[in-house]
């Protein structure tokens, strides 16, 4: 085993946890989107933004307790705000822009289009979560690199 193998293994396990939480978050987002769009008849872009925010809050709570439980800050509200402003912004703006493209321009059905947009945003969200929101104390590494726990 090389010296860096343990770090990659931990990062890989964290990536799996991230995706597990994200998978549940997708269900939360799609359910919220369906209720907001079909139930309340909101515009699909407004419904998308609200559904994404619902999933962002859900995901933060689970990432805090599961994915990055070893990196929870004492200032939890500050960490939530960082998560919302980064992962939330990537998710909301990425989802709305990509929904506009997939559902609006390409006429992909809105739930299928939403699955595409979620997939596109997930890699960026993991990197920002790992390197910024839930980074280890005394860790200052550029976002483009992978964490070595």
N, C-alpha and C. Protein backbone atom coordinates (compact mmCIF):
# COMPACT_ATOMS: atom_id res chain seq x y z
N UNK A 1 0.84 -1.18 0.00
CA UNK A 1 0.00 0.00 0.00
C UNK A 1 0.89 1.24 0.00
N UNK A 2 0.64 2.15 -0.90
CA UNK A 2 1.38 3.40 -0.97
C UNK A 2 0.87 4.36 0.09
N UNK A 3 1.67 5.36 0.41
CA UNK A 3 1.33 6.30 1.48
C UNK A 3 0.01 7.01 1.25
N UNK A 4 -0.32 7.34 0.03
CA UNK A 4 -1.54 8.09 -0.26
C UNK A 4 -2.79 7.24 -0.41
N UNK A 5 -2.64 5.91 -0.41
CA UNK A 5 -3.79 5.04 -0.65
C UNK A 5 -4.89 5.21 0.39
N UNK A 6 -4.53 5.36 1.66
CA UNK A 6 -5.54 5.54 2.72
C UNK A 6 -6.35 6.80 2.51
N UNK A 7 -5.69 7.86 2.07
CA UNK A 7 -6.39 9.11 1.82
C UNK A 7 -7.39 8.97 0.68
N UNK A 8 -6.96 8.30 -0.39
CA UNK A 8 -7.86 8.09 -1.52
C UNK A 8 -9.02 7.19 -1.12
N UNK A 9 -8.74 6.20 -0.29
CA UNK A 9 -9.80 5.30 0.17
C UNK A 9 -10.83 6.08 0.99
N UNK A 10 -10.35 6.95 1.90
CA UNK A 10 -11.27 7.75 2.71
C UNK A 10 -12.07 8.72 1.84
N UNK A 11 -11.40 9.31 0.87
CA UNK A 11 -12.10 10.22 -0.04
C UNK A 11 -13.14 9.46 -0.86
N UNK A 12 -12.78 8.26 -1.30
CA UNK A 12 -13.73 7.43 -2.05
C UNK A 12 -14.94 7.04 -1.21
N UNK A 13 -14.70 6.68 0.05
CA UNK A 13 -15.81 6.35 0.95
C UNK A 13 -16.69 7.57 1.18
N UNK A 14 -16.06 8.73 1.34
CA UNK A 14 -16.83 9.97 1.54
C UNK A 14 -17.65 10.28 0.28
N UNK A 15 -17.08 10.03 -0.89
CA UNK A 15 -17.79 10.24 -2.16
C UNK A 15 -19.02 9.33 -2.24
N UNK A 16 -18.87 8.07 -1.80
CA UNK A 16 -20.01 7.15 -1.78
C UNK A 16 -21.09 7.64 -0.81
N UNK A 17 -20.69 8.10 0.37
CA UNK A 17 -21.64 8.63 1.33
C UNK A 17 -22.34 9.86 0.75
N UNK A 18 -21.56 10.73 0.11
CA UNK A 18 -22.11 11.94 -0.52
C UNK A 18 -23.19 11.56 -1.53
N UNK A 19 -22.90 10.57 -2.34
CA UNK A 19 -23.87 10.15 -3.36
C UNK A 19 -25.07 9.45 -2.77
N UNK A 20 -24.89 8.72 -1.69
CA UNK A 20 -26.02 8.10 -1.00
C UNK A 20 -26.98 9.17 -0.48
N UNK A 21 -26.42 10.17 0.21
CA UNK A 21 -27.24 11.29 0.69
C UNK A 21 -27.88 12.00 -0.50
N UNK A 22 -27.09 12.22 -1.54
CA UNK A 22 -27.60 12.88 -2.74
C UNK A 22 -28.73 12.12 -3.40
N UNK A 23 -28.64 10.79 -3.39
CA UNK A 23 -29.71 9.97 -3.97
C UNK A 23 -31.03 10.19 -3.22
N UNK A 24 -30.95 10.20 -1.90
CA UNK A 24 -32.15 10.49 -1.12
C UNK A 24 -32.61 11.93 -1.40
N UNK A 25 -31.64 12.84 -1.50
CA UNK A 25 -31.97 14.24 -1.83
C UNK A 25 -32.65 14.39 -3.19
N UNK A 26 -32.26 13.55 -4.13
CA UNK A 26 -32.92 13.57 -5.44
C UNK A 26 -34.40 13.22 -5.27
N UNK A 27 -34.68 12.21 -4.46
CA UNK A 27 -36.08 11.86 -4.20
C UNK A 27 -36.83 13.01 -3.57
N UNK A 28 -36.19 13.67 -2.59
CA UNK A 28 -36.80 14.85 -1.94
C UNK A 28 -37.05 15.93 -2.98
N UNK A 29 -36.05 16.19 -3.82
CA UNK A 29 -36.18 17.24 -4.83
C UNK A 29 -37.27 16.92 -5.85
N UNK A 30 -37.28 15.69 -6.35
CA UNK A 30 -38.29 15.33 -7.36
C UNK A 30 -39.70 15.35 -6.78
N UNK A 31 -39.84 14.90 -5.54
CA UNK A 31 -41.15 14.94 -4.89
C UNK A 31 -41.61 16.39 -4.70
N UNK A 32 -40.70 17.23 -4.21
CA UNK A 32 -41.04 18.64 -4.04
C UNK A 32 -41.37 19.29 -5.38
N UNK A 33 -40.59 18.97 -6.42
CA UNK A 33 -40.84 19.53 -7.75
C UNK A 33 -42.21 19.10 -8.27
N UNK A 34 -42.53 17.83 -8.14
CA UNK A 34 -43.82 17.34 -8.61
C UNK A 34 -44.97 18.01 -7.85
N UNK A 35 -44.82 18.14 -6.53
CA UNK A 35 -45.87 18.80 -5.73
C UNK A 35 -46.03 20.27 -6.10
N UNK A 36 -44.90 20.95 -6.26
CA UNK A 36 -44.95 22.38 -6.57
C UNK A 36 -45.44 22.64 -7.99
N UNK A 37 -45.00 21.82 -8.95
CA UNK A 37 -45.36 22.03 -10.36
C UNK A 37 -46.76 21.49 -10.66
N UNK A 38 -47.00 20.24 -10.31
CA UNK A 38 -48.27 19.62 -10.66
C UNK A 38 -49.36 19.89 -9.63
N UNK A 39 -48.98 19.94 -8.37
CA UNK A 39 -49.97 20.16 -7.31
C UNK A 39 -50.35 21.62 -7.14
N UNK A 40 -49.33 22.49 -7.04
CA UNK A 40 -49.60 23.93 -6.85
C UNK A 40 -49.57 24.73 -8.14
N UNK A 41 -49.20 24.08 -9.27
CA UNK A 41 -49.19 24.69 -10.61
C UNK A 41 -48.26 25.89 -10.69
N UNK A 42 -47.13 25.81 -9.99
CA UNK A 42 -46.12 26.87 -10.10
C UNK A 42 -45.38 26.72 -11.41
N UNK A 43 -44.81 27.81 -11.89
CA UNK A 43 -43.95 27.79 -13.07
C UNK A 43 -42.82 26.79 -12.82
N UNK A 44 -42.41 26.04 -13.84
CA UNK A 44 -41.42 24.98 -13.65
C UNK A 44 -40.08 25.51 -13.16
N UNK A 45 -39.70 26.74 -13.51
CA UNK A 45 -38.43 27.27 -13.03
C UNK A 45 -38.50 27.67 -11.56
N UNK A 46 -39.59 28.31 -11.14
CA UNK A 46 -39.77 28.64 -9.72
C UNK A 46 -39.88 27.36 -8.90
N UNK A 47 -40.65 26.40 -9.40
CA UNK A 47 -40.80 25.12 -8.71
C UNK A 47 -39.45 24.41 -8.59
N UNK A 48 -38.62 24.50 -9.63
CA UNK A 48 -37.29 23.90 -9.59
C UNK A 48 -36.44 24.54 -8.50
N UNK A 49 -36.40 25.87 -8.44
CA UNK A 49 -35.59 26.56 -7.43
C UNK A 49 -36.04 26.19 -6.01
N UNK A 50 -37.33 26.16 -5.76
CA UNK A 50 -37.85 25.82 -4.44
C UNK A 50 -37.58 24.35 -4.09
N UNK A 51 -37.71 23.48 -5.08
CA UNK A 51 -37.44 22.06 -4.85
C UNK A 51 -35.96 21.83 -4.56
N UNK A 52 -35.10 22.53 -5.27
CA UNK A 52 -33.66 22.42 -5.02
C UNK A 52 -33.32 22.89 -3.61
N UNK A 53 -33.88 24.01 -3.19
CA UNK A 53 -33.61 24.51 -1.83
C UNK A 53 -34.08 23.52 -0.78
N UNK A 54 -35.19 22.88 -1.02
CA UNK A 54 -35.67 21.85 -0.10
C UNK A 54 -34.65 20.72 0.01
N UNK A 55 -34.14 20.28 -1.12
CA UNK A 55 -33.13 19.22 -1.13
C UNK A 55 -31.82 19.69 -0.51
N UNK A 56 -31.44 20.94 -0.72
CA UNK A 56 -30.20 21.48 -0.15
C UNK A 56 -30.25 21.42 1.38
N UNK A 57 -31.36 21.83 1.96
CA UNK A 57 -31.50 21.78 3.42
C UNK A 57 -31.44 20.33 3.90
N UNK A 58 -32.16 19.45 3.24
CA UNK A 58 -32.13 18.03 3.57
C UNK A 58 -30.71 17.49 3.50
N UNK A 59 -30.01 17.78 2.41
CA UNK A 59 -28.67 17.24 2.21
C UNK A 59 -27.69 17.78 3.24
N UNK A 60 -27.79 19.06 3.58
CA UNK A 60 -26.89 19.61 4.60
C UNK A 60 -27.03 18.84 5.90
N UNK A 61 -28.25 18.63 6.33
CA UNK A 61 -28.48 17.94 7.60
C UNK A 61 -27.88 16.54 7.59
N UNK A 62 -28.02 15.83 6.48
CA UNK A 62 -27.45 14.49 6.40
C UNK A 62 -25.94 14.51 6.22
N UNK A 63 -25.41 15.44 5.43
CA UNK A 63 -23.95 15.52 5.26
C UNK A 63 -23.29 15.85 6.59
N UNK A 64 -23.92 16.70 7.35
CA UNK A 64 -23.38 17.09 8.65
C UNK A 64 -23.32 15.88 9.60
N UNK A 65 -24.30 15.02 9.53
CA UNK A 65 -24.38 13.89 10.46
C UNK A 65 -23.79 12.60 9.91
N UNK A 66 -23.54 12.53 8.60
CA UNK A 66 -23.13 11.27 7.99
C UNK A 66 -21.88 11.42 7.13
N UNK A 67 -21.94 12.21 6.10
CA UNK A 67 -20.84 12.31 5.14
C UNK A 67 -19.60 12.94 5.76
N UNK A 68 -19.78 14.08 6.41
CA UNK A 68 -18.66 14.81 7.00
C UNK A 68 -18.84 14.95 8.52
N UNK A 69 -19.30 13.92 9.18
CA UNK A 69 -19.57 14.03 10.62
C UNK A 69 -18.31 14.31 11.41
N UNK A 70 -17.14 13.97 10.87
CA UNK A 70 -15.88 14.25 11.54
C UNK A 70 -15.40 15.69 11.33
N UNK A 71 -16.14 16.46 10.56
CA UNK A 71 -15.73 17.83 10.23
C UNK A 71 -16.80 18.87 10.55
N UNK A 72 -17.70 18.59 11.43
CA UNK A 72 -18.76 19.53 11.75
C UNK A 72 -18.16 20.69 12.55
N UNK A 73 -18.47 21.90 12.13
CA UNK A 73 -17.95 23.09 12.79
C UNK A 73 -18.74 23.38 14.06
N UNK A 74 -18.09 24.05 15.00
CA UNK A 74 -18.80 24.49 16.20
C UNK A 74 -19.85 25.54 15.83
N UNK A 75 -19.54 26.33 14.84
CA UNK A 75 -20.48 27.35 14.35
C UNK A 75 -21.33 26.73 13.24
N UNK A 76 -22.30 25.91 13.65
CA UNK A 76 -23.11 25.17 12.69
C UNK A 76 -23.91 26.08 11.76
N UNK A 77 -24.41 27.18 12.29
CA UNK A 77 -25.16 28.10 11.44
C UNK A 77 -24.27 28.67 10.35
N UNK A 78 -23.06 29.03 10.70
CA UNK A 78 -22.11 29.55 9.70
C UNK A 78 -21.82 28.48 8.65
N UNK A 79 -21.68 27.22 9.09
CA UNK A 79 -21.42 26.14 8.15
C UNK A 79 -22.63 25.92 7.24
N UNK A 80 -23.84 26.01 7.79
CA UNK A 80 -25.05 25.89 6.98
C UNK A 80 -25.12 27.01 5.95
N UNK A 81 -24.79 28.23 6.37
CA UNK A 81 -24.81 29.37 5.44
C UNK A 81 -23.79 29.15 4.32
N UNK A 82 -22.58 28.70 4.67
CA UNK A 82 -21.57 28.40 3.65
C UNK A 82 -22.08 27.33 2.69
N UNK A 83 -22.71 26.28 3.23
CA UNK A 83 -23.24 25.21 2.40
C UNK A 83 -24.32 25.74 1.47
N UNK A 84 -25.22 26.53 2.01
CA UNK A 84 -26.32 27.06 1.22
C UNK A 84 -25.82 28.02 0.14
N UNK A 85 -24.84 28.85 0.48
CA UNK A 85 -24.33 29.82 -0.49
C UNK A 85 -23.46 29.18 -1.57
N UNK A 86 -22.88 28.02 -1.28
CA UNK A 86 -22.04 27.36 -2.28
C UNK A 86 -22.80 26.22 -2.95
N UNK A 87 -23.03 25.13 -2.22
CA UNK A 87 -23.75 23.99 -2.80
C UNK A 87 -25.15 24.41 -3.23
N UNK A 88 -25.79 25.24 -2.41
CA UNK A 88 -27.12 25.72 -2.76
C UNK A 88 -27.11 26.54 -4.04
N UNK A 89 -26.15 27.45 -4.14
CA UNK A 89 -26.06 28.30 -5.34
C UNK A 89 -25.74 27.47 -6.58
N UNK A 90 -24.77 26.55 -6.45
CA UNK A 90 -24.44 25.67 -7.58
C UNK A 90 -25.68 24.89 -7.99
N UNK A 91 -26.39 24.35 -7.00
CA UNK A 91 -27.58 23.54 -7.30
C UNK A 91 -28.71 24.36 -7.88
N UNK A 92 -29.02 25.49 -7.25
CA UNK A 92 -30.16 26.29 -7.73
C UNK A 92 -29.87 26.89 -9.10
N UNK A 93 -28.75 27.60 -9.22
CA UNK A 93 -28.47 28.24 -10.51
C UNK A 93 -28.16 27.21 -11.59
N UNK A 94 -27.41 26.17 -11.23
CA UNK A 94 -27.14 25.12 -12.20
C UNK A 94 -28.40 24.42 -12.65
N UNK A 95 -29.28 24.10 -11.69
CA UNK A 95 -30.54 23.43 -12.04
C UNK A 95 -31.44 24.32 -12.87
N UNK A 96 -31.58 25.58 -12.49
CA UNK A 96 -32.47 26.47 -13.23
C UNK A 96 -31.94 26.69 -14.65
N UNK A 97 -30.64 26.95 -14.78
CA UNK A 97 -30.07 27.17 -16.12
C UNK A 97 -30.16 25.91 -16.98
N UNK A 98 -29.82 24.78 -16.39
CA UNK A 98 -29.88 23.54 -17.16
C UNK A 98 -31.31 23.09 -17.43
N UNK A 99 -32.23 23.35 -16.49
CA UNK A 99 -33.65 23.06 -16.75
C UNK A 99 -34.16 23.92 -17.91
N UNK A 100 -33.73 25.16 -17.94
CA UNK A 100 -34.13 26.05 -19.04
C UNK A 100 -33.68 25.46 -20.37
N UNK A 101 -32.47 24.89 -20.37
CA UNK A 101 -31.94 24.27 -21.58
C UNK A 101 -32.65 22.96 -21.90
N UNK A 102 -32.66 22.02 -20.95
CA UNK A 102 -33.22 20.69 -21.22
C UNK A 102 -34.74 20.72 -21.39
N UNK A 103 -35.46 21.30 -20.43
CA UNK A 103 -36.92 21.30 -20.49
C UNK A 103 -37.44 22.40 -21.40
N UNK A 104 -36.81 23.59 -21.31
CA UNK A 104 -37.29 24.72 -22.10
C UNK A 104 -36.94 24.64 -23.57
N UNK A 105 -35.65 24.45 -23.86
CA UNK A 105 -35.20 24.45 -25.26
C UNK A 105 -35.35 23.09 -25.94
N UNK A 106 -34.92 22.04 -25.24
CA UNK A 106 -34.95 20.71 -25.85
C UNK A 106 -36.28 19.97 -25.64
N UNK A 107 -37.14 20.52 -24.80
CA UNK A 107 -38.46 19.95 -24.50
C UNK A 107 -38.39 18.55 -23.87
N UNK A 108 -37.33 18.30 -23.10
CA UNK A 108 -37.23 17.07 -22.33
C UNK A 108 -38.27 17.17 -21.21
N UNK A 109 -39.03 16.12 -20.90
CA UNK A 109 -39.99 16.18 -19.79
C UNK A 109 -39.30 16.66 -18.51
N UNK A 110 -39.99 17.49 -17.73
CA UNK A 110 -39.35 18.21 -16.64
C UNK A 110 -38.71 17.32 -15.58
N UNK A 111 -39.28 16.16 -15.26
CA UNK A 111 -38.65 15.29 -14.25
C UNK A 111 -37.37 14.66 -14.80
N UNK A 112 -37.38 14.22 -16.04
CA UNK A 112 -36.18 13.65 -16.66
C UNK A 112 -35.11 14.74 -16.80
N UNK A 113 -35.52 15.93 -17.21
CA UNK A 113 -34.57 17.04 -17.33
C UNK A 113 -33.94 17.35 -15.98
N UNK A 114 -34.74 17.26 -14.92
CA UNK A 114 -34.22 17.55 -13.59
C UNK A 114 -33.18 16.51 -13.16
N UNK A 115 -33.36 15.26 -13.53
CA UNK A 115 -32.35 14.23 -13.22
C UNK A 115 -31.02 14.55 -13.92
N UNK A 116 -31.08 15.02 -15.16
CA UNK A 116 -29.86 15.40 -15.87
C UNK A 116 -29.15 16.55 -15.15
N UNK A 117 -29.91 17.53 -14.73
CA UNK A 117 -29.30 18.70 -14.09
C UNK A 117 -28.67 18.35 -12.75
N UNK A 118 -29.31 17.48 -12.00
CA UNK A 118 -28.78 17.05 -10.71
C UNK A 118 -27.43 16.36 -10.91
N UNK A 119 -27.36 15.49 -11.89
CA UNK A 119 -26.13 14.77 -12.18
C UNK A 119 -25.01 15.74 -12.55
N UNK A 120 -25.32 16.72 -13.35
CA UNK A 120 -24.31 17.69 -13.78
C UNK A 120 -23.74 18.51 -12.61
N UNK A 121 -24.55 18.81 -11.62
CA UNK A 121 -24.13 19.65 -10.50
C UNK A 121 -23.43 18.88 -9.38
N UNK A 122 -23.59 17.56 -9.34
CA UNK A 122 -23.13 16.80 -8.17
C UNK A 122 -21.61 16.81 -7.97
N UNK A 123 -20.84 16.72 -9.03
CA UNK A 123 -19.38 16.69 -8.89
C UNK A 123 -18.89 18.00 -8.29
N UNK A 124 -19.39 19.12 -8.78
CA UNK A 124 -18.98 20.42 -8.25
C UNK A 124 -19.38 20.56 -6.79
N UNK A 125 -20.56 20.09 -6.45
CA UNK A 125 -21.02 20.18 -5.06
C UNK A 125 -20.15 19.37 -4.11
N UNK A 126 -19.71 18.18 -4.54
CA UNK A 126 -18.84 17.38 -3.68
C UNK A 126 -17.52 18.10 -3.42
N UNK A 127 -16.91 18.61 -4.47
CA UNK A 127 -15.63 19.29 -4.31
C UNK A 127 -15.74 20.51 -3.40
N UNK A 128 -16.78 21.30 -3.58
CA UNK A 128 -16.97 22.48 -2.73
C UNK A 128 -17.26 22.07 -1.29
N UNK A 129 -18.09 21.05 -1.11
CA UNK A 129 -18.38 20.58 0.24
C UNK A 129 -17.14 20.05 0.93
N UNK A 130 -16.36 19.26 0.22
CA UNK A 130 -15.18 18.63 0.81
C UNK A 130 -14.05 19.63 1.07
N UNK A 131 -13.85 20.56 0.16
CA UNK A 131 -12.71 21.46 0.24
C UNK A 131 -13.00 22.79 0.92
N UNK A 132 -14.28 23.15 1.07
CA UNK A 132 -14.61 24.46 1.63
C UNK A 132 -15.57 24.38 2.81
N UNK A 133 -16.75 23.85 2.58
CA UNK A 133 -17.78 23.87 3.62
C UNK A 133 -17.41 22.98 4.80
N UNK A 134 -17.00 21.74 4.51
CA UNK A 134 -16.70 20.78 5.57
C UNK A 134 -15.20 20.47 5.64
N UNK A 135 -14.37 21.41 5.25
CA UNK A 135 -12.93 21.14 5.27
C UNK A 135 -12.45 20.93 6.71
N UNK A 136 -11.37 20.16 6.80
CA UNK A 136 -10.77 19.93 8.11
C UNK A 136 -10.23 21.25 8.64
N UNK A 137 -10.20 21.39 9.95
CA UNK A 137 -9.60 22.57 10.55
C UNK A 137 -8.15 22.67 10.12
N UNK A 138 -7.68 23.90 9.93
CA UNK A 138 -6.31 24.16 9.49
C UNK A 138 -6.04 23.65 8.09
N UNK A 139 -7.08 23.42 7.30
CA UNK A 139 -6.90 22.96 5.94
C UNK A 139 -7.18 24.11 5.00
N UNK A 140 -6.24 24.41 4.16
CA UNK A 140 -6.39 25.46 3.18
C UNK A 140 -5.85 24.96 1.86
N UNK A 141 -6.72 24.32 1.09
CA UNK A 141 -6.33 23.70 -0.17
C UNK A 141 -7.25 24.21 -1.26
N UNK A 142 -6.73 24.48 -2.45
CA UNK A 142 -7.58 24.95 -3.56
C UNK A 142 -8.72 23.98 -3.84
N UNK A 143 -9.86 24.51 -4.27
CA UNK A 143 -11.06 23.72 -4.53
C UNK A 143 -10.82 22.63 -5.57
N UNK A 144 -9.95 22.84 -6.53
CA UNK A 144 -9.73 21.89 -7.61
C UNK A 144 -8.99 20.63 -7.21
N UNK A 145 -8.55 20.51 -5.95
CA UNK A 145 -7.83 19.32 -5.52
C UNK A 145 -8.73 18.45 -4.67
N UNK A 146 -8.35 17.18 -4.53
CA UNK A 146 -9.10 16.23 -3.73
C UNK A 146 -8.54 16.22 -2.31
N UNK A 147 -9.42 16.14 -1.33
CA UNK A 147 -8.99 16.15 0.07
C UNK A 147 -8.24 14.87 0.42
N UNK A 148 -7.24 15.02 1.22
CA UNK A 148 -6.51 13.88 1.78
C UNK A 148 -6.77 13.92 3.28
N UNK A 149 -7.73 13.14 3.72
CA UNK A 149 -8.12 13.17 5.14
C UNK A 149 -6.95 12.87 5.99
